[in-house]
Amino acid sequence: MLNLLPQDYKRKVKNEYVVRFVAVSAALGSLVLVTLAVAVFPTYISLKVEQAIAKNDLQTAKESSTAKDKNTLLKTLKDLEGKMKAVSIVSDENATDFIDKAVQLKNAGIKINSISYIKKGEKRDIVMDGVAKTRNDLIDFSKKAKNSLWTVSSDIPISSFSNDHDIAFSITLTATSTSK
């Protein structure tokens, strides 16, 4: 093919071609970017809102679980304090001796249902609840308690003596730490 255009026109046509190509490419690139921005922007906003909600939920969960854990720990601590008091009472070196001697006071007609041991300073109490077969069994048990080697005071409610048999009773035996 023959080249009929002079050199100056060739450069001018080539420059116009490059300018048109760049302009069309820039326009198409801009159109693609705008289209992508329009398509991605709602998704971006949606993700940001979900992230904010998730952060809020996480903070709420941390606060509520912290308060819940704190309350649970306080309750557990109070329970443990009560158990430690019970352990310190049971670990009293004379507590088991005192309870054994109190139980040995009963005769065959006495059935003990529960025993409570309470130590308040120098004073120790045993509260025994039970059932006596007869009034005489209950009276003998009370006399043995009053005449025992321990300095013991026993209290039996008068209402316990109103029945002749199967008499429910509650007796409190009290001793000081110096008694043996």
C-alpha atoms as a PDB file:
ATOM      1  CA  MET A   1       0.000   0.000   0.000  1.00  0.00           C
ATOM      2  CA  LEU A   2       1.101   3.382  -0.835  1.00  0.00           C
ATOM      3  CA  ASN A   3       1.477   6.038   1.768  1.00  0.00           C
ATOM      4  CA  LEU A   4       0.054   9.218   0.286  1.00  0.00           C
ATOM      5  CA  LEU A   5      -0.080  11.397   3.427  1.00  0.00           C
ATOM      6  CA  PRO A   6       2.774  13.672   4.226  1.00  0.00           C
ATOM      7  CA  GLN A   7       4.662  13.175   7.493  1.00  0.00           C
ATOM      8  CA  ASP A   8       3.058  16.136   9.281  1.00  0.00           C
ATOM      9  CA  TYR A   9      -0.444  14.892   8.618  1.00  0.00           C
ATOM     10  CA  LYS A  10       0.529  11.434   9.707  1.00  0.00           C
ATOM     11  CA  ARG A  11       1.666  12.755  13.087  1.00  0.00           C
ATOM     12  CA  LYS A  12      -1.468  14.847  13.431  1.00  0.00           C
ATOM     13  CA  VAL A  13      -3.774  11.889  12.646  1.00  0.00           C
ATOM     14  CA  LYS A  14      -1.776   9.637  14.962  1.00  0.00           C
ATOM     15  CA  ASN A  15      -2.045  12.189  17.815  1.00  0.00           C
ATOM     16  CA  GLU A  16      -5.789  12.554  17.258  1.00  0.00           C
ATOM     17  CA  TYR A  17      -6.117   8.747  17.313  1.00  0.00           C
ATOM     18  CA  VAL A  18      -4.227   8.502  20.615  1.00  0.00           C
ATOM     19  CA  VAL A  19      -6.291  11.332  22.142  1.00  0.00           C
ATOM     20  CA  ARG A  20      -9.563   9.699  21.066  1.00  0.00           C
ATOM     21  CA  PHE A  21      -8.388   6.302  22.305  1.00  0.00           C
ATOM     22  CA  VAL A  22      -7.383   7.739  25.692  1.00  0.00           C
ATOM     23  CA  ALA A  23     -10.637   9.713  25.969  1.00  0.00           C
ATOM     24  CA  VAL A  24     -12.793   6.709  25.117  1.00  0.00           C
ATOM     25  CA  SER A  25     -10.755   4.473  27.471  1.00  0.00           C
ATOM     26  CA  ALA A  26     -11.041   7.043  30.287  1.00  0.00           C
ATOM     27  CA  ALA A  27     -14.776   7.363  29.704  1.00  0.00           C
ATOM     28  CA  LEU A  28     -15.245   3.591  29.729  1.00  0.00           C
ATOM     29  CA  GLY A  29     -13.014   3.252  32.829  1.00  0.00           C
ATOM     30  CA  SER A  30     -14.966   5.982  34.618  1.00  0.00           C
ATOM     31  CA  LEU A  31     -18.238   4.321  33.668  1.00  0.00           C
ATOM     32  CA  VAL A  32     -17.003   0.988  35.051  1.00  0.00           C
ATOM     33  CA  LEU A  33     -15.829   2.640  38.310  1.00  0.00           C
ATOM     34  CA  VAL A  34     -19.125   4.471  38.789  1.00  0.00           C
ATOM     35  CA  THR A  35     -21.046   1.250  38.121  1.00  0.00           C
ATOM     36  CA  LEU A  36     -18.917  -0.652  40.644  1.00  0.00           C
ATOM     37  CA  ALA A  37     -19.270   2.115  43.232  1.00  0.00           C
ATOM     38  CA  VAL A  38     -23.052   2.092  42.842  1.00  0.00           C
ATOM     39  CA  ALA A  39     -23.089  -1.703  43.156  1.00  0.00           C
ATOM     40  CA  VAL A  40     -20.673  -1.893  46.124  1.00  0.00           C
ATOM     41  CA  PHE A  41     -21.841   1.136  48.150  1.00  0.00           C
ATOM     42  CA  PRO A  42     -25.091  -0.396  49.502  1.00  0.00           C
ATOM     43  CA  THR A  43     -23.220  -3.562  50.447  1.00  0.00           C
ATOM     44  CA  TYR A  44     -20.584  -1.480  52.244  1.00  0.00           C
ATOM     45  CA  ILE A  45     -23.231   0.456  54.186  1.00  0.00           C
ATOM     46  CA  SER A  46     -25.026  -2.787  55.074  1.00  0.00           C
ATOM     47  CA  LEU A  47     -21.790  -4.354  56.369  1.00  0.00           C
ATOM     48  CA  LYS A  48     -20.967  -1.260  58.445  1.00  0.00           C
ATOM     49  CA  VAL A  49     -24.437  -1.352  60.047  1.00  0.00           C
ATOM     50  CA  GLU A  50     -24.081  -5.081  60.800  1.00  0.00           C
ATOM     51  CA  GLN A  51     -20.631  -4.463  62.287  1.00  0.00           C
ATOM     52  CA  ALA A  52     -22.008  -1.730  64.563  1.00  0.00           C
ATOM     53  CA  ILE A  53     -24.853  -4.023  65.664  1.00  0.00           C
ATOM     54  CA  ALA A  54     -22.405  -6.863  66.334  1.00  0.00           C
ATOM     55  CA  LYS A  55     -20.148  -4.564  68.406  1.00  0.00           C
ATOM     56  CA  ASN A  56     -23.163  -3.379  70.397  1.00  0.00           C
ATOM     57  CA  ASP A  57     -24.347  -6.958  70.992  1.00  0.00           C
ATOM     58  CA  LEU A  58     -20.853  -8.000  72.065  1.00  0.00           C
ATOM     59  CA  GLN A  59     -20.603  -5.108  74.528  1.00  0.00           C
ATOM     60  CA  THR A  60     -24.049  -5.906  75.936  1.00  0.00           C
ATOM     61  CA  ALA A  61     -23.135  -9.570  76.291  1.00  0.00           C
ATOM     62  CA  LYS A  62     -19.881  -8.692  78.068  1.00  0.00           C
ATOM     63  CA  GLU A  63     -21.646  -6.351  80.467  1.00  0.00           C
ATOM     64  CA  SER A  64     -24.470  -8.769  81.253  1.00  0.00           C
ATOM     65  CA  SER A  65     -22.182 -11.775  81.654  1.00  0.00           C
ATOM     66  CA  THR A  66     -19.848  -9.749  83.859  1.00  0.00           C
ATOM     67  CA  ALA A  67     -22.715  -8.699  86.104  1.00  0.00           C
ATOM     68  CA  LYS A  68     -24.112 -12.227  86.086  1.00  0.00           C
ATOM     69  CA  ASP A  69     -20.691 -13.712  86.873  1.00  0.00           C
ATOM     70  CA  LYS A  70     -20.198 -11.130  89.613  1.00  0.00           C
ATOM     71  CA  ASN A  71     -23.530 -12.020  91.228  1.00  0.00           C
ATOM     72  CA  THR A  72     -22.800 -15.733  90.881  1.00  0.00           C
ATOM     73  CA  LEU A  73     -19.364 -15.289  92.437  1.00  0.00           C
ATOM     74  CA  LEU A  74     -20.798 -13.268  95.330  1.00  0.00           C
ATOM     75  CA  LYS A  75     -23.430 -15.939  95.973  1.00  0.00           C
ATOM     76  CA  THR A  76     -20.795 -18.678  95.814  1.00  0.00           C
ATOM     77  CA  LEU A  77     -18.579 -16.695  98.180  1.00  0.00           C
ATOM     78  CA  LYS A  78     -21.422 -16.372 100.703  1.00  0.00           C
ATOM     79  CA  ASP A  79     -22.132 -20.101 100.433  1.00  0.00           C
ATOM     80  CA  LEU A  80     -18.459 -20.896 100.966  1.00  0.00           C
ATOM     81  CA  GLU A  81     -18.305 -18.599 103.999  1.00  0.00           C
ATOM     82  CA  GLY A  82     -21.230 -20.505 105.521  1.00  0.00           C
ATOM     83  CA  LYS A  83     -19.572 -23.830 104.758  1.00  0.00           C
ATOM     84  CA  MET A  84     -16.287 -22.644 106.224  1.00  0.00           C
ATOM     85  CA  LYS A  85     -18.081 -21.654 109.422  1.00  0.00           C
ATOM     86  CA  ALA A  86     -19.603 -25.138 109.542  1.00  0.00           C
ATOM     87  CA  VAL A  87     -16.193 -26.706 108.965  1.00  0.00           C
ATOM     88  CA  SER A  88     -14.621 -24.604 111.718  1.00  0.00           C
ATOM     89  CA  ILE A  89     -17.389 -25.697 114.084  1.00  0.00           C
ATOM     90  CA  VAL A  90     -16.926 -29.362 113.221  1.00  0.00           C
ATOM     91  CA  SER A  91     -13.169 -29.071 113.461  1.00  0.00           C
ATOM     92  CA  ASP A  92     -13.477 -27.923 117.081  1.00  0.00           C
ATOM     93  CA  GLU A  93     -11.471 -30.569 118.899  1.00  0.00           C
ATOM     94  CA  ASN A  94     -14.121 -31.100 121.588  1.00  0.00           C
ATOM     95  CA  ALA A  95     -17.172 -30.922 119.302  1.00  0.00           C
ATOM     96  CA  THR A  96     -17.202 -34.627 118.453  1.00  0.00           C
ATOM     97  CA  ASP A  97     -16.646 -35.567 122.100  1.00  0.00           C
ATOM     98  CA  PHE A  98     -19.480 -33.304 123.159  1.00  0.00           C
ATOM     99  CA  ILE A  99     -21.847 -34.741 120.543  1.00  0.00           C
ATOM    100  CA  ASP A 100     -20.844 -38.336 121.388  1.00  0.00           C
ATOM    101  CA  LYS A 101     -21.485 -37.786 125.107  1.00  0.00           C
ATOM    102  CA  ALA A 102     -24.846 -36.173 124.332  1.00  0.00           C
ATOM    103  CA  VAL A 103     -25.891 -39.098 122.140  1.00  0.00           C
ATOM    104  CA  GLN A 104     -24.765 -41.607 124.808  1.00  0.00           C
ATOM    105  CA  LEU A 105     -27.273 -40.043 127.212  1.00  0.00           C
ATOM    106  CA  LYS A 106     -30.211 -41.473 125.281  1.00  0.00           C
ATOM    107  CA  ASN A 107     -31.818 -44.758 126.245  1.00  0.00           C
ATOM    108  CA  ALA A 108     -33.521 -47.385 124.086  1.00  0.00           C
ATOM    109  CA  GLY A 109     -36.844 -45.520 124.139  1.00  0.00           C
ATOM    110  CA  ILE A 110     -35.378 -42.363 122.604  1.00  0.00           C
ATOM    111  CA  LYS A 111     -35.011 -41.912 118.861  1.00  0.00           C
ATOM    112  CA  ILE A 112     -33.002 -38.845 117.783  1.00  0.00           C
ATOM    113  CA  ASN A 113     -34.049 -37.422 114.410  1.00  0.00           C
ATOM    114  CA  SER A 114     -31.671 -34.462 114.162  1.00  0.00           C
ATOM    115  CA  ILE A 115     -28.718 -32.938 115.966  1.00  0.00           C
ATOM    116  CA  SER A 116     -27.503 -29.348 115.607  1.00  0.00           C
ATOM    117  CA  TYR A 117     -24.218 -28.135 117.075  1.00  0.00           C
ATOM    118  CA  ILE A 118     -23.755 -24.404 117.645  1.00  0.00           C
ATOM    119  CA  LYS A 119     -20.701 -22.717 119.119  1.00  0.00           C
ATOM    120  CA  LYS A 120     -20.943 -19.111 120.286  1.00  0.00           C
ATOM    121  CA  GLY A 121     -17.692 -18.055 121.926  1.00  0.00           C
ATOM    122  CA  GLU A 122     -17.261 -20.178 125.045  1.00  0.00           C
ATOM    123  CA  LYS A 123     -20.834 -21.496 124.904  1.00  0.00           C
ATOM    124  CA  ARG A 124     -21.681 -24.656 122.938  1.00  0.00           C
ATOM    125  CA  ASP A 125     -25.206 -25.894 122.311  1.00  0.00           C
ATOM    126  CA  ILE A 126     -26.544 -29.143 120.975  1.00  0.00           C
ATOM    127  CA  VAL A 127     -30.170 -29.150 119.951  1.00  0.00           C
ATOM    128  CA  MET A 128     -31.575 -32.645 119.550  1.00  0.00           C
ATOM    129  CA  ASP A 129     -34.992 -33.310 118.062  1.00  0.00           C
ATOM    130  CA  GLY A 130     -36.541 -36.706 118.347  1.00  0.00           C
ATOM    131  CA  VAL A 131     -39.325 -38.963 119.564  1.00  0.00           C
ATOM    132  CA  ALA A 132     -39.600 -40.728 122.930  1.00  0.00           C
ATOM    133  CA  LYS A 133     -41.617 -43.971 123.143  1.00  0.00           C
ATOM    134  CA  THR A 134     -42.986 -43.097 126.574  1.00  0.00           C
ATOM    135  CA  ARG A 135     -43.115 -40.162 128.961  1.00  0.00           C
ATOM    136  CA  ASN A 136     -40.798 -42.033 131.382  1.00  0.00           C
ATOM    137  CA  ASP A 137     -38.163 -42.476 128.638  1.00  0.00           C
ATOM    138  CA  LEU A 138     -38.225 -38.732 128.052  1.00  0.00           C
ATOM    139  CA  ILE A 139     -37.975 -37.956 131.791  1.00  0.00           C
ATOM    140  CA  ASP A 140     -35.030 -40.390 132.177  1.00  0.00           C
ATOM    141  CA  PHE A 141     -33.272 -38.820 129.208  1.00  0.00           C
ATOM    142  CA  SER A 142     -33.762 -35.344 130.685  1.00  0.00           C
ATOM    143  CA  LYS A 143     -32.444 -36.460 134.103  1.00  0.00           C
ATOM    144  CA  LYS A 144     -29.385 -38.115 132.542  1.00  0.00           C
ATOM    145  CA  ALA A 145     -28.669 -34.912 130.655  1.00  0.00           C
ATOM    146  CA  LYS A 146     -28.905 -32.843 133.829  1.00  0.00           C
ATOM    147  CA  ASN A 147     -26.742 -35.294 135.824  1.00  0.00           C
ATOM    148  CA  SER A 148     -24.075 -35.852 133.152  1.00  0.00           C
ATOM    149  CA  LEU A 149     -20.380 -35.126 133.622  1.00  0.00           C
ATOM    150  CA  TRP A 150     -20.699 -32.021 131.481  1.00  0.00           C
ATOM    151  CA  THR A 151     -22.032 -28.804 132.906  1.00  0.00           C
ATOM    152  CA  VAL A 152     -25.223 -29.228 130.960  1.00  0.00           C
ATOM    153  CA  SER A 153     -28.526 -27.465 131.118  1.00  0.00           C
ATOM    154  CA  SER A 154     -31.406 -29.127 129.377  1.00  0.00           C
ATOM    155  CA  ASP A 155     -34.663 -27.587 128.406  1.00  0.00           C
ATOM    156  CA  ILE A 156     -37.650 -29.675 127.432  1.00  0.00           C
ATOM    157  CA  PRO A 157     -40.914 -27.918 126.596  1.00  0.00           C
ATOM    158  CA  ILE A 158     -43.810 -28.709 128.947  1.00  0.00           C
ATOM    159  CA  SER A 159     -45.998 -29.510 125.943  1.00  0.00           C
ATOM    160  CA  SER A 160     -43.787 -32.555 125.333  1.00  0.00           C
ATOM    161  CA  PHE A 161     -45.203 -34.218 128.479  1.00  0.00           C
ATOM    162  CA  SER A 162     -48.862 -33.964 127.409  1.00  0.00           C
ATOM    163  CA  ASN A 163     -48.828 -37.302 125.509  1.00  0.00           C
ATOM    164  CA  ASP A 164     -48.255 -40.751 127.034  1.00  0.00           C
ATOM    165  CA  HIS A 165     -46.382 -42.310 124.078  1.00  0.00           C
ATOM    166  CA  ASP A 166     -44.605 -41.290 120.859  1.00  0.00           C
ATOM    167  CA  ILE A 167     -43.724 -37.913 122.335  1.00  0.00           C
ATOM    168  CA  ALA A 168     -41.962 -35.499 120.005  1.00  0.00           C
ATOM    169  CA  PHE A 169     -39.337 -33.479 121.836  1.00  0.00           C
ATOM    170  CA  SER A 170     -36.597 -30.941 121.347  1.00  0.00           C
ATOM    171  CA  ILE A 171     -33.891 -30.760 123.980  1.00  0.00           C
ATOM    172  CA  THR A 172     -31.105 -28.198 124.196  1.00  0.00           C
ATOM    173  CA  LEU A 173     -27.892 -29.199 125.930  1.00  0.00           C
ATOM    174  CA  THR A 174     -25.570 -26.320 126.765  1.00  0.00           C
ATOM    175  CA  ALA A 175     -21.968 -26.460 127.921  1.00  0.00           C
ATOM    176  CA  THR A 176     -19.085 -24.045 128.233  1.00  0.00           C
ATOM    177  CA  SER A 177     -15.632 -24.770 126.779  1.00  0.00           C
ATOM    178  CA  THR A 178     -14.186 -25.143 130.264  1.00  0.00           C
ATOM    179  CA  SER A 179     -16.483 -28.044 131.183  1.00  0.00           C
ATOM    180  CA  LYS A 180     -15.251 -31.609 130.736  1.00  0.00           C
END
